[in-house]
Amino acid sequence: MNTSNAPSIGQPRFELRYRLSAHRCSYAFPCDCSGNVNVNVDCLSDRARENYFYACSMVGGELRLPQILLSVF
């Protein structure tokens, strides 16, 4: 049984993007179409985990609200 949240082949992939400005992507994390992050943060590298928590905590200050966008990869 596959309990992974990762999309199967052929399914659309989405990213949760946190931006400093309208044209510059600062942080991006894989997510589902509702914006739920698709990765187990406990399995991320220390730097990636720190970036994720930093981005979440800086919304409304340094970063804009995140956007859910179709991933190009």
Protein backbone atom coordinates (compact mmCIF):
# COMPACT_ATOMS: atom_id res chain seq x y z
CA MET A 1 0.00 0.00 0.00
CA ASN A 2 1.38 3.39 -0.98
CA THR A 3 0.96 5.91 1.85
CA SER A 4 3.19 8.54 0.29
CA ASN A 5 1.79 12.02 -0.30
CA ALA A 6 3.97 12.38 -3.40
CA PRO A 7 2.04 12.65 -6.65
CA SER A 8 1.93 9.60 -8.91
CA ILE A 9 3.22 9.70 -12.45
CA GLY A 10 0.84 11.71 -14.60
CA GLN A 11 -0.67 13.65 -11.69
CA PRO A 12 -0.17 17.42 -11.56
CA ARG A 13 2.47 18.67 -9.14
CA PHE A 14 2.18 21.86 -7.17
CA GLU A 15 4.53 24.15 -5.25
CA LEU A 16 3.85 26.38 -2.29
CA ARG A 17 5.88 29.52 -3.07
CA TYR A 18 6.80 32.24 -0.61
CA ARG A 19 7.96 35.45 -2.32
CA LEU A 20 9.83 38.58 -1.32
CA SER A 21 8.40 40.43 -4.32
CA ALA A 22 6.02 39.76 -7.17
CA HIS A 23 8.79 38.62 -9.53
CA ARG A 24 11.19 36.86 -7.21
CA CYS A 25 10.58 33.42 -5.71
CA SER A 26 12.34 33.11 -2.39
CA TYR A 27 11.23 29.71 -1.12
CA ALA A 28 9.34 26.86 -2.80
CA PHE A 29 8.15 23.56 -1.34
CA PRO A 30 6.24 20.69 -2.96
CA CYS A 31 2.57 20.65 -1.98
CA ASP A 32 -0.82 19.31 -3.02
CA CYS A 33 -3.49 21.36 -4.78
CA SER A 34 -4.71 22.65 -1.38
CA GLY A 35 -1.30 23.90 -0.30
CA ASN A 36 -0.53 21.08 2.12
CA VAL A 37 3.21 20.45 2.06
CA ASN A 38 3.98 17.02 0.54
CA VAL A 39 7.16 16.37 2.42
CA ASN A 40 7.81 15.02 5.86
CA VAL A 41 9.64 17.96 7.43
CA ASP A 42 11.46 15.51 9.70
CA CYS A 43 13.10 14.04 6.58
CA LEU A 44 14.30 17.38 5.22
CA SER A 45 17.89 18.48 5.60
CA ASP A 46 18.52 20.88 8.47
CA ARG A 47 18.79 23.81 6.08
CA ALA A 48 15.61 22.94 4.15
CA ARG A 49 13.68 22.47 7.41
CA GLU A 50 14.96 25.81 8.74
CA ASN A 51 13.97 27.50 5.44
CA TYR A 52 10.47 26.01 5.61
CA PHE A 53 9.83 27.13 9.19
CA TYR A 54 11.39 30.54 8.51
CA ALA A 55 9.18 31.07 5.45
CA CYS A 56 6.06 30.09 7.40
CA SER A 57 6.92 32.46 10.26
CA MET A 58 7.78 35.46 8.05
CA VAL A 59 4.49 35.62 6.11
CA GLY A 60 3.03 39.09 6.44
CA GLY A 61 6.40 40.53 7.39
CA GLU A 62 9.31 39.90 5.08
CA LEU A 63 7.40 37.48 2.84
CA ARG A 64 4.08 37.71 1.02
CA LEU A 65 1.32 35.15 1.50
CA PRO A 66 2.32 31.91 -0.21
CA GLN A 67 0.88 30.98 -3.58
CA ILE A 68 -0.05 27.51 -4.78
CA LEU A 69 1.31 27.14 -8.30
CA LEU A 70 1.54 24.30 -10.77
CA SER A 71 5.11 23.04 -10.76
CA VAL A 72 7.02 22.96 -14.03
CA PHE A 73 9.00 19.88 -13.00
